[in-house]
Amino acid sequence: MKKIPSVILPSIIILAIAFLSRADKYILVGLYLLFPITFIIQGGIYSNFTKELIIGFILSSIAFIVPINLWYHTGSCIELLVIYNILGVISYFIKNRVIYRNKKSD
């Protein structure tokens, strides 16, 4: 039950950023700075690849694609989404590697 908010919260944050950027038209700041940082942090907070990371990335991807395409009419942001997901997976594996090294040295 504790894991559900950590899986859903990043997608809610992405929706909030997209909604707040809509009023100010600062979507480029969101696209190139805030959304990648959100996906990187999201990859760092998850501990289970299949149960948390994949479900969290699917929810965040939906929360990213739907508002961006509907509100901003940007066309396809699939390339950006693939890059964001790759950044999140890289941060997940780096976190796990650091944890593994710390446990190994103890």
N, C-alpha and C. Protein backbone atom coordinates (compact mmCIF):
# COMPACT_ATOMS: atom_id res chain seq x y z
N MET A 1 0.82 -1.20 0.00
CA MET A 1 0.00 0.00 0.00
C MET A 1 0.86 1.26 0.00
N LYS A 2 2.06 1.19 0.59
CA LYS A 2 2.94 2.35 0.62
C LYS A 2 3.49 2.68 -0.76
N LYS A 3 3.60 1.67 -1.62
CA LYS A 3 4.21 1.86 -2.92
C LYS A 3 3.28 2.55 -3.92
N ILE A 4 1.98 2.48 -3.68
CA ILE A 4 1.02 3.05 -4.63
C ILE A 4 1.21 4.56 -4.79
N PRO A 5 1.35 5.34 -3.71
CA PRO A 5 1.59 6.78 -3.91
C PRO A 5 2.89 7.08 -4.63
N SER A 6 3.94 6.30 -4.38
CA SER A 6 5.21 6.57 -5.06
C SER A 6 5.15 6.22 -6.53
N VAL A 7 4.22 5.35 -6.92
CA VAL A 7 4.06 5.02 -8.34
C VAL A 7 3.19 6.05 -9.03
N ILE A 8 2.17 6.54 -8.35
CA ILE A 8 1.22 7.47 -8.96
C ILE A 8 1.69 8.93 -8.88
N LEU A 9 2.43 9.30 -7.85
CA LEU A 9 2.81 10.69 -7.62
C LEU A 9 3.59 11.32 -8.79
N PRO A 10 4.58 10.65 -9.39
CA PRO A 10 5.27 11.30 -10.52
C PRO A 10 4.35 11.63 -11.69
N SER A 11 3.38 10.77 -11.98
CA SER A 11 2.47 11.08 -13.08
C SER A 11 1.56 12.26 -12.74
N ILE A 12 1.20 12.39 -11.47
CA ILE A 12 0.41 13.55 -11.05
C ILE A 12 1.24 14.82 -11.14
N ILE A 13 2.51 14.73 -10.80
CA ILE A 13 3.41 15.89 -10.92
C ILE A 13 3.56 16.29 -12.39
N ILE A 14 3.68 15.32 -13.27
CA ILE A 14 3.79 15.62 -14.70
C ILE A 14 2.53 16.29 -15.21
N LEU A 15 1.37 15.80 -14.80
CA LEU A 15 0.12 16.45 -15.18
C LEU A 15 0.04 17.88 -14.65
N ALA A 16 0.49 18.08 -13.43
CA ALA A 16 0.46 19.43 -12.85
C ALA A 16 1.40 20.37 -13.59
N ILE A 17 2.58 19.89 -13.94
CA ILE A 17 3.52 20.73 -14.70
C ILE A 17 2.94 21.09 -16.05
N ALA A 18 2.34 20.11 -16.72
CA ALA A 18 1.74 20.38 -18.03
C ALA A 18 0.58 21.36 -17.90
N PHE A 19 -0.24 21.20 -16.86
CA PHE A 19 -1.38 22.09 -16.67
C PHE A 19 -0.93 23.51 -16.32
N LEU A 20 0.06 23.63 -15.43
CA LEU A 20 0.53 24.96 -15.05
C LEU A 20 1.30 25.63 -16.17
N SER A 21 1.98 24.86 -16.98
CA SER A 21 2.71 25.42 -18.12
C SER A 21 1.75 25.91 -19.19
N ARG A 22 0.57 25.36 -19.21
CA ARG A 22 -0.43 25.75 -20.21
C ARG A 22 -0.84 27.20 -20.03
N ALA A 23 -0.96 27.64 -18.80
CA ALA A 23 -1.38 29.01 -18.53
C ALA A 23 -0.27 30.01 -18.86
N ASP A 24 0.97 29.64 -18.62
CA ASP A 24 2.08 30.57 -18.83
C ASP A 24 2.80 30.38 -20.15
N LYS A 25 2.49 29.31 -20.86
CA LYS A 25 3.13 28.98 -22.13
C LYS A 25 4.63 28.73 -21.97
N TYR A 26 5.03 28.14 -20.84
CA TYR A 26 6.42 27.76 -20.60
C TYR A 26 6.61 26.26 -20.84
N ILE A 27 6.02 25.76 -21.88
CA ILE A 27 6.07 24.33 -22.12
C ILE A 27 7.48 23.87 -22.50
N LEU A 28 8.27 24.73 -23.12
CA LEU A 28 9.63 24.33 -23.48
C LEU A 28 10.49 24.09 -22.25
N VAL A 29 10.27 24.86 -21.20
CA VAL A 29 10.98 24.60 -19.94
C VAL A 29 10.59 23.23 -19.40
N GLY A 30 9.33 22.92 -19.50
CA GLY A 30 8.86 21.61 -19.06
C GLY A 30 9.40 20.49 -19.92
N LEU A 31 9.37 20.68 -21.24
CA LEU A 31 9.80 19.62 -22.15
C LEU A 31 11.28 19.29 -22.02
N TYR A 32 12.10 20.31 -21.86
CA TYR A 32 13.54 20.07 -21.89
C TYR A 32 14.22 20.12 -20.53
N LEU A 33 13.49 20.47 -19.46
CA LEU A 33 14.11 20.52 -18.15
C LEU A 33 13.32 19.76 -17.09
N LEU A 34 12.06 20.10 -16.90
CA LEU A 34 11.29 19.54 -15.79
C LEU A 34 10.87 18.09 -16.01
N PHE A 35 10.40 17.76 -17.21
CA PHE A 35 9.98 16.38 -17.47
C PHE A 35 11.15 15.40 -17.41
N PRO A 36 12.32 15.72 -18.00
CA PRO A 36 13.43 14.77 -17.86
C PRO A 36 13.88 14.59 -16.41
N ILE A 37 13.89 15.67 -15.65
CA ILE A 37 14.28 15.57 -14.24
C ILE A 37 13.28 14.69 -13.48
N THR A 38 12.00 14.83 -13.80
CA THR A 38 10.98 14.01 -13.16
C THR A 38 11.18 12.53 -13.47
N PHE A 39 11.49 12.20 -14.71
CA PHE A 39 11.71 10.80 -15.08
C PHE A 39 12.99 10.26 -14.45
N ILE A 40 14.03 11.08 -14.34
CA ILE A 40 15.27 10.64 -13.70
C ILE A 40 15.04 10.36 -12.22
N ILE A 41 14.34 11.25 -11.54
CA ILE A 41 14.03 11.04 -10.12
C ILE A 41 13.13 9.82 -9.96
N GLN A 42 12.20 9.67 -10.87
CA GLN A 42 11.30 8.53 -10.82
C GLN A 42 12.07 7.22 -10.95
N GLY A 43 13.05 7.17 -11.83
CA GLY A 43 13.88 5.97 -11.95
C GLY A 43 14.70 5.72 -10.71
N GLY A 44 15.05 6.78 -9.99
CA GLY A 44 15.85 6.62 -8.78
C GLY A 44 15.07 6.17 -7.56
N ILE A 45 13.77 6.44 -7.53
CA ILE A 45 13.03 6.10 -6.31
C ILE A 45 12.47 4.69 -6.32
N TYR A 46 12.38 4.07 -7.46
CA TYR A 46 11.79 2.73 -7.51
C TYR A 46 12.81 1.66 -7.17
N SER A 47 12.33 0.62 -6.49
CA SER A 47 13.22 -0.46 -6.09
C SER A 47 12.97 -1.75 -6.85
N ASN A 48 11.80 -1.90 -7.46
CA ASN A 48 11.47 -3.11 -8.19
C ASN A 48 11.24 -2.75 -9.65
N PHE A 49 11.96 -3.42 -10.54
CA PHE A 49 11.90 -3.07 -11.96
C PHE A 49 10.54 -3.37 -12.57
N THR A 50 10.04 -4.58 -12.36
CA THR A 50 8.82 -4.97 -13.06
C THR A 50 7.56 -4.43 -12.41
N LYS A 51 7.50 -4.40 -11.09
CA LYS A 51 6.27 -3.99 -10.42
C LYS A 51 6.12 -2.49 -10.33
N GLU A 52 7.20 -1.77 -10.11
CA GLU A 52 7.10 -0.34 -9.89
C GLU A 52 7.55 0.48 -11.08
N LEU A 53 8.72 0.18 -11.59
CA LEU A 53 9.30 1.02 -12.63
C LEU A 53 8.47 1.01 -13.91
N ILE A 54 8.10 -0.14 -14.38
CA ILE A 54 7.36 -0.22 -15.63
C ILE A 54 5.96 0.39 -15.48
N ILE A 55 5.29 0.09 -14.38
CA ILE A 55 3.96 0.67 -14.16
C ILE A 55 4.06 2.18 -14.00
N GLY A 56 5.05 2.65 -13.27
CA GLY A 56 5.24 4.09 -13.08
C GLY A 56 5.55 4.80 -14.38
N PHE A 57 6.39 4.19 -15.22
CA PHE A 57 6.72 4.81 -16.50
C PHE A 57 5.54 4.80 -17.46
N ILE A 58 4.72 3.77 -17.41
CA ILE A 58 3.52 3.75 -18.26
C ILE A 58 2.57 4.87 -17.84
N LEU A 59 2.35 5.01 -16.55
CA LEU A 59 1.47 6.08 -16.07
C LEU A 59 2.04 7.46 -16.40
N SER A 60 3.34 7.63 -16.21
CA SER A 60 3.95 8.92 -16.51
C SER A 60 3.96 9.20 -18.00
N SER A 61 4.12 8.18 -18.80
CA SER A 61 4.09 8.37 -20.25
C SER A 61 2.71 8.81 -20.72
N ILE A 62 1.68 8.21 -20.16
CA ILE A 62 0.32 8.62 -20.50
C ILE A 62 0.07 10.05 -20.01
N ALA A 63 0.55 10.35 -18.80
CA ALA A 63 0.37 11.69 -18.25
C ALA A 63 1.16 12.73 -19.03
N PHE A 64 2.16 12.32 -19.76
CA PHE A 64 2.95 13.24 -20.58
C PHE A 64 2.34 13.40 -21.97
N ILE A 65 2.06 12.30 -22.64
CA ILE A 65 1.63 12.33 -24.03
C ILE A 65 0.25 12.97 -24.21
N VAL A 66 -0.70 12.58 -23.40
CA VAL A 66 -2.07 13.06 -23.61
C VAL A 66 -2.19 14.58 -23.47
N PRO A 67 -1.73 15.19 -22.38
CA PRO A 67 -1.88 16.66 -22.29
C PRO A 67 -1.04 17.41 -23.32
N ILE A 68 0.16 16.94 -23.58
CA ILE A 68 1.02 17.66 -24.53
C ILE A 68 0.39 17.66 -25.92
N ASN A 69 -0.13 16.52 -26.35
CA ASN A 69 -0.73 16.45 -27.67
C ASN A 69 -2.08 17.17 -27.74
N LEU A 70 -2.87 17.11 -26.67
CA LEU A 70 -4.18 17.75 -26.70
C LEU A 70 -4.13 19.25 -26.50
N TRP A 71 -3.31 19.70 -25.55
CA TRP A 71 -3.29 21.12 -25.22
C TRP A 71 -2.38 21.94 -26.11
N TYR A 72 -1.26 21.38 -26.51
CA TYR A 72 -0.26 22.17 -27.23
C TYR A 72 -0.19 21.85 -28.71
N HIS A 73 -0.84 20.79 -29.15
CA HIS A 73 -0.86 20.38 -30.56
C HIS A 73 0.56 20.31 -31.12
N THR A 74 1.44 19.65 -30.40
CA THR A 74 2.83 19.57 -30.81
C THR A 74 3.09 18.43 -31.78
N GLY A 75 2.11 17.64 -32.04
CA GLY A 75 2.33 16.48 -32.89
C GLY A 75 2.85 15.34 -32.05
N SER A 76 3.82 14.67 -32.53
CA SER A 76 4.33 13.51 -31.83
C SER A 76 5.50 13.88 -30.93
N CYS A 77 5.37 13.56 -29.67
CA CYS A 77 6.46 13.74 -28.71
C CYS A 77 7.01 12.39 -28.30
N ILE A 78 6.84 11.39 -29.15
CA ILE A 78 7.29 10.04 -28.84
C ILE A 78 8.80 10.00 -28.68
N GLU A 79 9.53 10.73 -29.51
CA GLU A 79 10.99 10.72 -29.40
C GLU A 79 11.45 11.23 -28.04
N LEU A 80 10.83 12.32 -27.59
CA LEU A 80 11.17 12.86 -26.27
C LEU A 80 10.82 11.86 -25.18
N LEU A 81 9.68 11.23 -25.32
CA LEU A 81 9.24 10.26 -24.31
C LEU A 81 10.18 9.06 -24.24
N VAL A 82 10.66 8.61 -25.37
CA VAL A 82 11.63 7.50 -25.38
C VAL A 82 12.91 7.92 -24.68
N ILE A 83 13.37 9.12 -24.95
CA ILE A 83 14.58 9.63 -24.29
C ILE A 83 14.37 9.74 -22.79
N TYR A 84 13.22 10.25 -22.37
CA TYR A 84 12.93 10.37 -20.94
C TYR A 84 12.90 9.01 -20.26
N ASN A 85 12.27 8.04 -20.91
CA ASN A 85 12.23 6.69 -20.33
C ASN A 85 13.61 6.07 -20.26
N ILE A 86 14.43 6.29 -21.26
CA ILE A 86 15.81 5.77 -21.22
C ILE A 86 16.59 6.42 -20.09
N LEU A 87 16.42 7.73 -19.90
CA LEU A 87 17.08 8.40 -18.77
C LEU A 87 16.63 7.84 -17.44
N GLY A 88 15.35 7.56 -17.31
CA GLY A 88 14.83 6.97 -16.07
C GLY A 88 15.36 5.58 -15.82
N VAL A 89 15.45 4.76 -16.86
CA VAL A 89 15.99 3.40 -16.70
C VAL A 89 17.47 3.45 -16.36
N ILE A 90 18.21 4.36 -16.98
CA ILE A 90 19.63 4.52 -16.66
C ILE A 90 19.80 4.92 -15.20
N SER A 91 18.99 5.86 -14.73
CA SER A 91 19.10 6.27 -13.33
C SER A 91 18.73 5.13 -12.39
N TYR A 92 17.77 4.28 -12.79
CA TYR A 92 17.42 3.11 -11.98
C TYR A 92 18.61 2.16 -11.86
N PHE A 93 19.26 1.85 -12.98
CA PHE A 93 20.38 0.93 -12.94
C PHE A 93 21.60 1.52 -12.23
N ILE A 94 21.83 2.81 -12.35
CA ILE A 94 22.93 3.45 -11.62
C ILE A 94 22.67 3.37 -10.12
N LYS A 95 21.43 3.64 -9.71
CA LYS A 95 21.08 3.55 -8.29
C LYS A 95 21.30 2.15 -7.76
N ASN A 96 20.85 1.15 -8.51
CA ASN A 96 21.03 -0.23 -8.08
C ASN A 96 22.50 -0.63 -8.03
N ARG A 97 23.29 -0.15 -8.95
CA ARG A 97 24.72 -0.46 -8.96
C ARG A 97 25.41 0.16 -7.75
N VAL A 98 25.05 1.39 -7.41
CA VAL A 98 25.63 2.04 -6.24
C VAL A 98 25.23 1.31 -4.96
N ILE A 99 23.97 0.93 -4.86
CA ILE A 99 23.51 0.19 -3.68
C ILE A 99 24.22 -1.16 -3.58
N TYR A 100 24.39 -1.84 -4.71
CA TYR A 100 25.07 -3.13 -4.71
C TYR A 100 26.53 -2.99 -4.27
N ARG A 101 27.19 -1.95 -4.74
CA ARG A 101 28.59 -1.74 -4.33
C ARG A 101 28.69 -1.42 -2.85
N ASN A 102 27.73 -0.63 -2.33
CA ASN A 102 27.76 -0.31 -0.90
C ASN A 102 27.50 -1.54 -0.05
N LYS A 103 26.62 -2.41 -0.48
CA LYS A 103 26.37 -3.64 0.27
C LYS A 103 27.54 -4.59 0.18
N LYS A 104 28.21 -4.60 -0.96
CA LYS A 104 29.34 -5.48 -1.16
C LYS A 104 30.54 -5.05 -0.32
N SER A 105 30.72 -3.74 -0.15
CA SER A 105 31.86 -3.25 0.62
C SER A 105 31.65 -3.37 2.12
N ASP A 106 30.40 -3.54 2.56
CA ASP A 106 30.14 -3.68 4.00
C ASP A 106 30.56 -4.99 4.45
